PDB file of all heavy atoms in Angstrom:
ATOM      1  N   THR A   1      -5.196 -18.912 -10.516  1.00  0.00           N
ATOM      2  CA  THR A   1      -4.338 -17.919 -11.153  1.00  0.00           C
ATOM      3  C   THR A   1      -4.059 -18.293 -12.611  1.00  0.00           C
ATOM      4  O   THR A   1      -4.383 -19.397 -13.063  1.00  0.00           O
ATOM      5  CB  THR A   1      -3.001 -17.807 -10.409  1.00  0.00           C
ATOM      6  OG1 THR A   1      -2.284 -19.042 -10.576  1.00  0.00           O
ATOM      7  CG2 THR A   1      -3.215 -17.541  -8.925  1.00  0.00           C
ATOM      8  N   ALA A   2      -3.420 -17.372 -13.321  1.00  0.00           N
ATOM      9  CA  ALA A   2      -3.007 -17.648 -14.694  1.00  0.00           C
ATOM     10  C   ALA A   2      -2.075 -18.851 -14.736  1.00  0.00           C
ATOM     11  O   ALA A   2      -2.153 -19.695 -15.646  1.00  0.00           O
ATOM     12  CB  ALA A   2      -2.329 -16.416 -15.292  1.00  0.00           C
ATOM     13  N   GLU A   3      -1.203 -18.960 -13.761  1.00  0.00           N
ATOM     14  CA  GLU A   3      -0.258 -20.081 -13.715  1.00  0.00           C
ATOM     15  C   GLU A   3      -0.988 -21.411 -13.511  1.00  0.00           C
ATOM     16  O   GLU A   3      -0.573 -22.448 -14.049  1.00  0.00           O
ATOM     17  CB  GLU A   3       0.759 -19.867 -12.594  1.00  0.00           C
ATOM     18  CG  GLU A   3       1.746 -18.735 -12.838  1.00  0.00           C
ATOM     19  CD  GLU A   3       1.116 -17.351 -12.690  1.00  0.00           C
ATOM     20  OE1 GLU A   3       0.032 -17.239 -12.044  1.00  0.00           O
ATOM     21  OE2 GLU A   3       1.687 -16.391 -13.224  1.00  0.00           O
ATOM     22  N   ASP A   4      -2.072 -21.388 -12.751  1.00  0.00           N
ATOM     23  CA  ASP A   4      -2.861 -22.607 -12.548  1.00  0.00           C
ATOM     24  C   ASP A   4      -3.489 -23.079 -13.863  1.00  0.00           C
ATOM     25  O   ASP A   4      -3.543 -24.281 -14.152  1.00  0.00           O
ATOM     26  CB  ASP A   4      -3.973 -22.362 -11.523  1.00  0.00           C
ATOM     27  CG  ASP A   4      -3.439 -22.071 -10.133  1.00  0.00           C
ATOM     28  OD1 ASP A   4      -2.397 -22.658  -9.769  1.00  0.00           O
ATOM     29  OD2 ASP A   4      -4.056 -21.267  -9.415  1.00  0.00           O
ATOM     30  N   LEU A   5      -3.981 -22.137 -14.647  1.00  0.00           N
ATOM     31  CA  LEU A   5      -4.725 -22.467 -15.866  1.00  0.00           C
ATOM     32  C   LEU A   5      -3.832 -22.809 -17.050  1.00  0.00           C
ATOM     33  O   LEU A   5      -4.249 -23.524 -17.968  1.00  0.00           O
ATOM     34  CB  LEU A   5      -5.636 -21.299 -16.255  1.00  0.00           C
ATOM     35  CG  LEU A   5      -6.736 -20.916 -15.259  1.00  0.00           C
ATOM     36  CD1 LEU A   5      -7.478 -19.686 -15.753  1.00  0.00           C
ATOM     37  CD2 LEU A   5      -7.717 -22.060 -15.038  1.00  0.00           C
ATOM     38  N   LEU A   6      -2.619 -22.304 -17.034  1.00  0.00           N
ATOM     39  CA  LEU A   6      -1.743 -22.413 -18.203  1.00  0.00           C
ATOM     40  C   LEU A   6      -1.598 -23.836 -18.742  1.00  0.00           C
ATOM     41  O   LEU A   6      -1.721 -24.049 -19.961  1.00  0.00           O
ATOM     42  CB  LEU A   6      -0.367 -21.816 -17.879  1.00  0.00           C
ATOM     43  CG  LEU A   6       0.565 -21.580 -19.072  1.00  0.00           C
ATOM     44  CD1 LEU A   6      -0.070 -20.648 -20.086  1.00  0.00           C
ATOM     45  CD2 LEU A   6       1.902 -21.004 -18.590  1.00  0.00           C
ATOM     46  N   PRO A   7      -1.363 -24.868 -17.906  1.00  0.00           N
ATOM     47  CA  PRO A   7      -1.201 -26.227 -18.460  1.00  0.00           C
ATOM     48  C   PRO A   7      -2.437 -26.725 -19.207  1.00  0.00           C
ATOM     49  O   PRO A   7      -2.313 -27.487 -20.179  1.00  0.00           O
ATOM     50  CB  PRO A   7      -0.919 -27.078 -17.222  1.00  0.00           C
ATOM     51  CG  PRO A   7      -0.390 -26.124 -16.208  1.00  0.00           C
ATOM     52  CD  PRO A   7      -1.119 -24.846 -16.454  1.00  0.00           C
ATOM     53  N   LEU A   8      -3.628 -26.284 -18.781  1.00  0.00           N
ATOM     54  CA  LEU A   8      -4.855 -26.766 -19.410  1.00  0.00           C
ATOM     55  C   LEU A   8      -5.062 -26.178 -20.805  1.00  0.00           C
ATOM     56  O   LEU A   8      -5.841 -26.718 -21.596  1.00  0.00           O
ATOM     57  CB  LEU A   8      -6.062 -26.432 -18.521  1.00  0.00           C
ATOM     58  CG  LEU A   8      -6.138 -27.204 -17.195  1.00  0.00           C
ATOM     59  CD1 LEU A   8      -7.306 -26.711 -16.362  1.00  0.00           C
ATOM     60  CD2 LEU A   8      -6.270 -28.706 -17.442  1.00  0.00           C
ATOM     61  N   LEU A   9      -4.380 -25.101 -21.128  1.00  0.00           N
ATOM     62  CA  LEU A   9      -4.500 -24.516 -22.463  1.00  0.00           C
ATOM     63  C   LEU A   9      -3.956 -25.434 -23.548  1.00  0.00           C
ATOM     64  O   LEU A   9      -4.229 -25.240 -24.736  1.00  0.00           O
ATOM     65  CB  LEU A   9      -3.781 -23.166 -22.517  1.00  0.00           C
ATOM     66  CG  LEU A   9      -4.459 -22.009 -21.760  1.00  0.00           C
ATOM     67  CD1 LEU A   9      -3.524 -20.808 -21.679  1.00  0.00           C
ATOM     68  CD2 LEU A   9      -5.775 -21.616 -22.417  1.00  0.00           C
ATOM     69  N   GLU A  10      -3.187 -26.435 -23.151  1.00  0.00           N
ATOM     70  CA  GLU A  10      -2.627 -27.384 -24.116  1.00  0.00           C
ATOM     71  C   GLU A  10      -3.624 -28.478 -24.498  1.00  0.00           C
ATOM     72  O   GLU A  10      -3.418 -29.191 -25.479  1.00  0.00           O
ATOM     73  CB  GLU A  10      -1.365 -28.040 -23.527  1.00  0.00           C
ATOM     74  CG  GLU A  10      -0.283 -27.056 -23.105  1.00  0.00           C
ATOM     75  CD  GLU A  10       0.338 -26.326 -24.280  1.00  0.00           C
ATOM     76  OE1 GLU A  10       0.227 -26.831 -25.407  1.00  0.00           O
ATOM     77  OE2 GLU A  10       0.925 -25.247 -24.052  1.00  0.00           O
ATOM     78  N   ASP A  11      -4.690 -28.630 -23.729  1.00  0.00           N
ATOM     79  CA  ASP A  11      -5.674 -29.681 -24.000  1.00  0.00           C
ATOM     80  C   ASP A  11      -6.436 -29.360 -25.282  1.00  0.00           C
ATOM     81  O   ASP A  11      -6.934 -28.247 -25.454  1.00  0.00           O
ATOM     82  CB  ASP A  11      -6.638 -29.803 -22.818  1.00  0.00           C
ATOM     83  CG  ASP A  11      -7.484 -31.069 -22.879  1.00  0.00           C
ATOM     84  OD1 ASP A  11      -8.236 -31.231 -23.863  1.00  0.00           O
ATOM     85  OD2 ASP A  11      -7.396 -31.893 -21.950  1.00  0.00           O
ATOM     86  N   GLU A  12      -6.557 -30.326 -26.186  1.00  0.00           N
ATOM     87  CA  GLU A  12      -7.198 -30.081 -27.481  1.00  0.00           C
ATOM     88  C   GLU A  12      -8.686 -29.761 -27.352  1.00  0.00           C
ATOM     89  O   GLU A  12      -9.281 -29.215 -28.290  1.00  0.00           O
ATOM     90  CB  GLU A  12      -7.008 -31.294 -28.402  1.00  0.00           C
ATOM     91  CG  GLU A  12      -7.675 -32.567 -27.909  1.00  0.00           C
ATOM     92  CD  GLU A  12      -7.442 -33.737 -28.852  1.00  0.00           C
ATOM     93  OE1 GLU A  12      -6.720 -33.546 -29.849  1.00  0.00           O
ATOM     94  OE2 GLU A  12      -7.985 -34.828 -28.579  1.00  0.00           O
ATOM     95  N   ARG A  13      -9.284 -30.090 -26.220  1.00  0.00           N
ATOM     96  CA  ARG A  13     -10.704 -29.792 -26.026  1.00  0.00           C
ATOM     97  C   ARG A  13     -10.921 -28.496 -25.248  1.00  0.00           C
ATOM     98  O   ARG A  13     -12.055 -28.162 -24.903  1.00  0.00           O
ATOM     99  CB  ARG A  13     -11.400 -30.961 -25.335  1.00  0.00           C
ATOM    100  CG  ARG A  13     -11.559 -32.163 -26.278  1.00  0.00           C
ATOM    101  CD  ARG A  13     -12.010 -33.405 -25.564  1.00  0.00           C
ATOM    102  NE  ARG A  13     -13.200 -33.182 -24.782  1.00  0.00           N
ATOM    103  CZ  ARG A  13     -13.353 -33.586 -23.522  1.00  0.00           C
ATOM    104  NH1 ARG A  13     -12.360 -34.222 -22.907  1.00  0.00           N
ATOM    105  NH2 ARG A  13     -14.472 -33.379 -22.871  1.00  0.00           N
ATOM    106  N   VAL A  14      -9.861 -27.776 -24.974  1.00  0.00           N
ATOM    107  CA  VAL A  14      -9.960 -26.442 -24.376  1.00  0.00           C
ATOM    108  C   VAL A  14      -9.857 -25.419 -25.499  1.00  0.00           C
ATOM    109  O   VAL A  14      -8.875 -25.383 -26.234  1.00  0.00           O
ATOM    110  CB  VAL A  14      -8.857 -26.221 -23.324  1.00  0.00           C
ATOM    111  CG1 VAL A  14      -8.809 -24.763 -22.902  1.00  0.00           C
ATOM    112  CG2 VAL A  14      -9.098 -27.117 -22.107  1.00  0.00           C
ATOM    113  N   LEU A  15     -10.872 -24.579 -25.632  1.00  0.00           N
ATOM    114  CA  LEU A  15     -10.945 -23.645 -26.757  1.00  0.00           C
ATOM    115  C   LEU A  15     -10.645 -22.201 -26.380  1.00  0.00           C
ATOM    116  O   LEU A  15     -10.615 -21.333 -27.248  1.00  0.00           O
ATOM    117  CB  LEU A  15     -12.329 -23.713 -27.410  1.00  0.00           C
ATOM    118  CG  LEU A  15     -12.719 -25.048 -28.035  1.00  0.00           C
ATOM    119  CD1 LEU A  15     -14.057 -24.935 -28.733  1.00  0.00           C
ATOM    120  CD2 LEU A  15     -11.652 -25.543 -28.998  1.00  0.00           C
ATOM    121  N   GLY A  16     -10.421 -21.942 -25.093  1.00  0.00           N
ATOM    122  CA  GLY A  16     -10.104 -20.574 -24.733  1.00  0.00           C
ATOM    123  C   GLY A  16     -10.423 -20.250 -23.296  1.00  0.00           C
ATOM    124  O   GLY A  16     -10.508 -21.134 -22.439  1.00  0.00           O
ATOM    125  N   LEU A  17     -10.610 -18.972 -23.051  1.00  0.00           N
ATOM    126  CA  LEU A  17     -10.873 -18.445 -21.719  1.00  0.00           C
ATOM    127  C   LEU A  17     -12.344 -18.050 -21.645  1.00  0.00           C
ATOM    128  O   LEU A  17     -12.844 -17.312 -22.493  1.00  0.00           O
ATOM    129  CB  LEU A  17      -9.984 -17.219 -21.467  1.00  0.00           C
ATOM    130  CG  LEU A  17      -9.855 -16.705 -20.030  1.00  0.00           C
ATOM    131  CD1 LEU A  17      -9.191 -17.739 -19.133  1.00  0.00           C
ATOM    132  CD2 LEU A  17      -9.054 -15.395 -20.018  1.00  0.00           C
ATOM    133  N   ALA A  18     -13.029 -18.563 -20.630  1.00  0.00           N
ATOM    134  CA  ALA A  18     -14.459 -18.307 -20.491  1.00  0.00           C
ATOM    135  C   ALA A  18     -14.717 -16.876 -20.026  1.00  0.00           C
ATOM    136  O   ALA A  18     -13.800 -16.130 -19.708  1.00  0.00           O
ATOM    137  CB  ALA A  18     -15.072 -19.301 -19.517  1.00  0.00           C
ATOM    138  N   GLU A  19     -15.969 -16.541 -19.966  1.00  0.00           N
ATOM    139  CA  GLU A  19     -16.425 -15.166 -19.741  1.00  0.00           C
ATOM    140  C   GLU A  19     -15.574 -14.395 -18.727  1.00  0.00           C
ATOM    141  O   GLU A  19     -15.498 -14.753 -17.559  1.00  0.00           O
ATOM    142  CB  GLU A  19     -17.886 -15.161 -19.299  1.00  0.00           C
ATOM    143  CG  GLU A  19     -18.204 -16.094 -18.144  1.00  0.00           C
ATOM    144  CD  GLU A  19     -19.682 -16.081 -17.811  1.00  0.00           C
ATOM    145  OE1 GLU A  19     -20.275 -14.997 -17.742  1.00  0.00           O
ATOM    146  OE2 GLU A  19     -20.241 -17.174 -17.604  1.00  0.00           O
ATOM    147  N   MET A  20     -14.950 -13.332 -19.215  1.00  0.00           N
ATOM    148  CA  MET A  20     -14.101 -12.488 -18.380  1.00  0.00           C
ATOM    149  C   MET A  20     -14.995 -11.502 -17.625  1.00  0.00           C
ATOM    150  O   MET A  20     -15.279 -10.402 -18.074  1.00  0.00           O
ATOM    151  CB  MET A  20     -13.070 -11.760 -19.244  1.00  0.00           C
ATOM    152  CG  MET A  20     -12.173 -10.796 -18.460  1.00  0.00           C
ATOM    153  SD  MET A  20     -11.452 -11.471 -16.942  1.00  0.00           S
ATOM    154  CE  MET A  20     -10.232 -12.595 -17.625  1.00  0.00           C
ATOM    155  N   MET A  21     -15.450 -11.958 -16.452  1.00  0.00           N
ATOM    156  CA  MET A  21     -16.398 -11.171 -15.666  1.00  0.00           C
ATOM    157  C   MET A  21     -15.749 -10.019 -14.917  1.00  0.00           C
ATOM    158  O   MET A  21     -16.415  -9.057 -14.545  1.00  0.00           O
ATOM    159  CB  MET A  21     -17.115 -12.082 -14.670  1.00  0.00           C
ATOM    160  CG  MET A  21     -18.019 -13.095 -15.329  1.00  0.00           C
ATOM    161  SD  MET A  21     -18.847 -14.143 -14.132  1.00  0.00           S
ATOM    162  CE  MET A  21     -17.480 -15.124 -13.551  1.00  0.00           C
ATOM    163  N   ASN A  22     -14.464 -10.129 -14.676  1.00  0.00           N
ATOM    164  CA  ASN A  22     -13.790  -9.093 -13.895  1.00  0.00           C
ATOM    165  C   ASN A  22     -13.483  -7.890 -14.783  1.00  0.00           C
ATOM    166  O   ASN A  22     -12.334  -7.608 -15.137  1.00  0.00           O
ATOM    167  CB  ASN A  22     -12.508  -9.646 -13.267  1.00  0.00           C
ATOM    168  CG  ASN A  22     -11.906  -8.708 -12.245  1.00  0.00           C
ATOM    169  OD1 ASN A  22     -12.345  -7.567 -12.103  1.00  0.00           O
ATOM    170  ND2 ASN A  22     -10.917  -9.181 -11.526  1.00  0.00           N
ATOM    171  N   MET A  23     -14.547  -7.183 -15.158  1.00  0.00           N
ATOM    172  CA  MET A  23     -14.378  -5.999 -16.002  1.00  0.00           C
ATOM    173  C   MET A  23     -13.493  -4.939 -15.339  1.00  0.00           C
ATOM    174  O   MET A  23     -12.618  -4.373 -16.000  1.00  0.00           O
ATOM    175  CB  MET A  23     -15.746  -5.410 -16.351  1.00  0.00           C
ATOM    176  CG  MET A  23     -16.636  -6.323 -17.155  1.00  0.00           C
ATOM    177  SD  MET A  23     -18.242  -5.554 -17.478  1.00  0.00           S
ATOM    178  CE  MET A  23     -18.924  -5.419 -15.821  1.00  0.00           C
ATOM    179  N   PRO A  24     -13.701  -4.650 -14.054  1.00  0.00           N
ATOM    180  CA  PRO A  24     -12.819  -3.665 -13.423  1.00  0.00           C
ATOM    181  C   PRO A  24     -11.351  -4.073 -13.480  1.00  0.00           C
ATOM    182  O   PRO A  24     -10.470  -3.232 -13.665  1.00  0.00           O
ATOM    183  CB  PRO A  24     -13.325  -3.608 -11.971  1.00  0.00           C
ATOM    184  CG  PRO A  24     -14.751  -4.018 -12.064  1.00  0.00           C
ATOM    185  CD  PRO A  24     -14.779  -5.063 -13.130  1.00  0.00           C
ATOM    186  N   GLY A  25     -11.090  -5.397 -13.350  1.00  0.00           N
ATOM    187  CA  GLY A  25      -9.716  -5.878 -13.439  1.00  0.00           C
ATOM    188  C   GLY A  25      -9.121  -5.657 -14.811  1.00  0.00           C
ATOM    189  O   GLY A  25      -7.948  -5.283 -14.945  1.00  0.00           O
ATOM    190  N   VAL A  26      -9.931  -5.884 -15.857  1.00  0.00           N
ATOM    191  CA  VAL A  26      -9.450  -5.640 -17.221  1.00  0.00           C
ATOM    192  C   VAL A  26      -9.140  -4.161 -17.412  1.00  0.00           C
ATOM    193  O   VAL A  26      -8.066  -3.778 -17.900  1.00  0.00           O
ATOM    194  CB  VAL A  26     -10.499  -6.093 -18.259  1.00  0.00           C
ATOM    195  CG1 VAL A  26     -10.062  -5.700 -19.665  1.00  0.00           C
ATOM    196  CG2 VAL A  26     -10.714  -7.604 -18.185  1.00  0.00           C
ATOM    197  N   LEU A  27     -10.084  -3.318 -17.024  1.00  0.00           N
ATOM    198  CA  LEU A  27      -9.941  -1.879 -17.268  1.00  0.00           C
ATOM    199  C   LEU A  27      -8.803  -1.270 -16.449  1.00  0.00           C
ATOM    200  O   LEU A  27      -8.165  -0.301 -16.889  1.00  0.00           O
ATOM    201  CB  LEU A  27     -11.257  -1.165 -16.943  1.00  0.00           C
ATOM    202  CG  LEU A  27     -12.474  -1.620 -17.769  1.00  0.00           C
ATOM    203  CD1 LEU A  27     -13.717  -0.852 -17.361  1.00  0.00           C
ATOM    204  CD2 LEU A  27     -12.216  -1.470 -19.251  1.00  0.00           C
ATOM    205  N   ALA A  28      -8.544  -1.859 -15.285  1.00  0.00           N
ATOM    206  CA  ALA A  28      -7.466  -1.336 -14.436  1.00  0.00           C
ATOM    207  C   ALA A  28      -6.120  -1.966 -14.758  1.00  0.00           C
ATOM    208  O   ALA A  28      -5.101  -1.597 -14.167  1.00  0.00           O
ATOM    209  CB  ALA A  28      -7.810  -1.570 -12.967  1.00  0.00           C
ATOM    210  N   GLY A  29      -6.103  -2.913 -15.701  1.00  0.00           N
ATOM    211  CA  GLY A  29      -4.852  -3.572 -16.077  1.00  0.00           C
ATOM    212  C   GLY A  29      -4.321  -4.494 -15.002  1.00  0.00           C
ATOM    213  O   GLY A  29      -3.095  -4.632 -14.840  1.00  0.00           O
ATOM    214  N   ASP A  30      -5.231  -5.162 -14.284  1.00  0.00           N
ATOM    215  CA  ASP A  30      -4.811  -6.098 -13.239  1.00  0.00           C
ATOM    216  C   ASP A  30      -3.854  -7.149 -13.823  1.00  0.00           C
ATOM    217  O   ASP A  30      -4.122  -7.747 -14.867  1.00  0.00           O
ATOM    218  CB  ASP A  30      -6.049  -6.780 -12.644  1.00  0.00           C
ATOM    219  CG  ASP A  30      -5.711  -7.793 -11.580  1.00  0.00           C
ATOM    220  OD1 ASP A  30      -5.471  -8.961 -11.938  1.00  0.00           O
ATOM    221  OD2 ASP A  30      -5.673  -7.424 -10.391  1.00  0.00           O
ATOM    222  N   GLU A  31      -2.762  -7.384 -13.133  1.00  0.00           N
ATOM    223  CA  GLU A  31      -1.704  -8.252 -13.659  1.00  0.00           C
ATOM    224  C   GLU A  31      -2.194  -9.671 -13.920  1.00  0.00           C
ATOM    225  O   GLU A  31      -1.902 -10.257 -14.970  1.00  0.00           O
ATOM    226  CB  GLU A  31      -0.524  -8.266 -12.681  1.00  0.00           C
ATOM    227  CG  GLU A  31       0.670  -9.074 -13.189  1.00  0.00           C
ATOM    228  CD  GLU A  31       1.871  -8.975 -12.261  1.00  0.00           C
ATOM    229  OE1 GLU A  31       1.893  -8.054 -11.423  1.00  0.00           O
ATOM    230  OE2 GLU A  31       2.767  -9.828 -12.380  1.00  0.00           O
ATOM    231  N   GLN A  32      -2.939 -10.265 -12.982  1.00  0.00           N
ATOM    232  CA  GLN A  32      -3.410 -11.629 -13.136  1.00  0.00           C
ATOM    233  C   GLN A  32      -4.445 -11.732 -14.267  1.00  0.00           C
ATOM    234  O   GLN A  32      -4.420 -12.679 -15.054  1.00  0.00           O
ATOM    235  CB  GLN A  32      -4.012 -12.136 -11.825  1.00  0.00           C
ATOM    236  CG  GLN A  32      -3.031 -12.849 -10.926  1.00  0.00           C
ATOM    237  CD  GLN A  32      -2.514 -14.143 -11.549  1.00  0.00           C
ATOM    238  OE1 GLN A  32      -3.267 -14.926 -12.119  1.00  0.00           O
ATOM    239  NE2 GLN A  32      -1.209 -14.367 -11.443  1.00  0.00           N
ATOM    240  N   VAL A  33      -5.329 -10.757 -14.350  1.00  0.00           N
ATOM    241  CA  VAL A  33      -6.352 -10.759 -15.396  1.00  0.00           C
ATOM    242  C   VAL A  33      -5.700 -10.696 -16.777  1.00  0.00           C
ATOM    243  O   VAL A  33      -6.021 -11.485 -17.676  1.00  0.00           O
ATOM    244  CB  VAL A  33      -7.326  -9.584 -15.198  1.00  0.00           C
ATOM    245  CG1 VAL A  33      -8.233  -9.421 -16.420  1.00  0.00           C
ATOM    246  CG2 VAL A  33      -8.165  -9.791 -13.951  1.00  0.00           C
ATOM    247  N   LEU A  34      -4.768  -9.777 -16.931  1.00  0.00           N
ATOM    248  CA  LEU A  34      -4.107  -9.638 -18.230  1.00  0.00           C
ATOM    249  C   LEU A  34      -3.247 -10.852 -18.558  1.00  0.00           C
ATOM    250  O   LEU A  34      -3.120 -11.239 -19.726  1.00  0.00           O
ATOM    251  CB  LEU A  34      -3.263  -8.364 -18.258  1.00  0.00           C
ATOM    252  CG  LEU A  34      -4.019  -7.042 -18.106  1.00  0.00           C
ATOM    253  CD1 LEU A  34      -3.090  -5.867 -18.376  1.00  0.00           C
ATOM    254  CD2 LEU A  34      -5.234  -6.983 -19.030  1.00  0.00           C
ATOM    255  N   ALA A  35      -2.665 -11.475 -17.532  1.00  0.00           N
ATOM    256  CA  ALA A  35      -1.853 -12.675 -17.769  1.00  0.00           C
ATOM    257  C   ALA A  35      -2.707 -13.809 -18.321  1.00  0.00           C
ATOM    258  O   ALA A  35      -2.265 -14.555 -19.213  1.00  0.00           O
ATOM    259  CB  ALA A  35      -1.166 -13.107 -16.473  1.00  0.00           C
TER     260      ALA A  35
END
């Protein structure tokens, strides 16, 4: 989940979020995807 990933965003060697494959989730405004 977004909550699982959040702490790792602080790591200096983490540059972002990898390929957002869940296109239907993005287009439908899925809460976890948008988070």
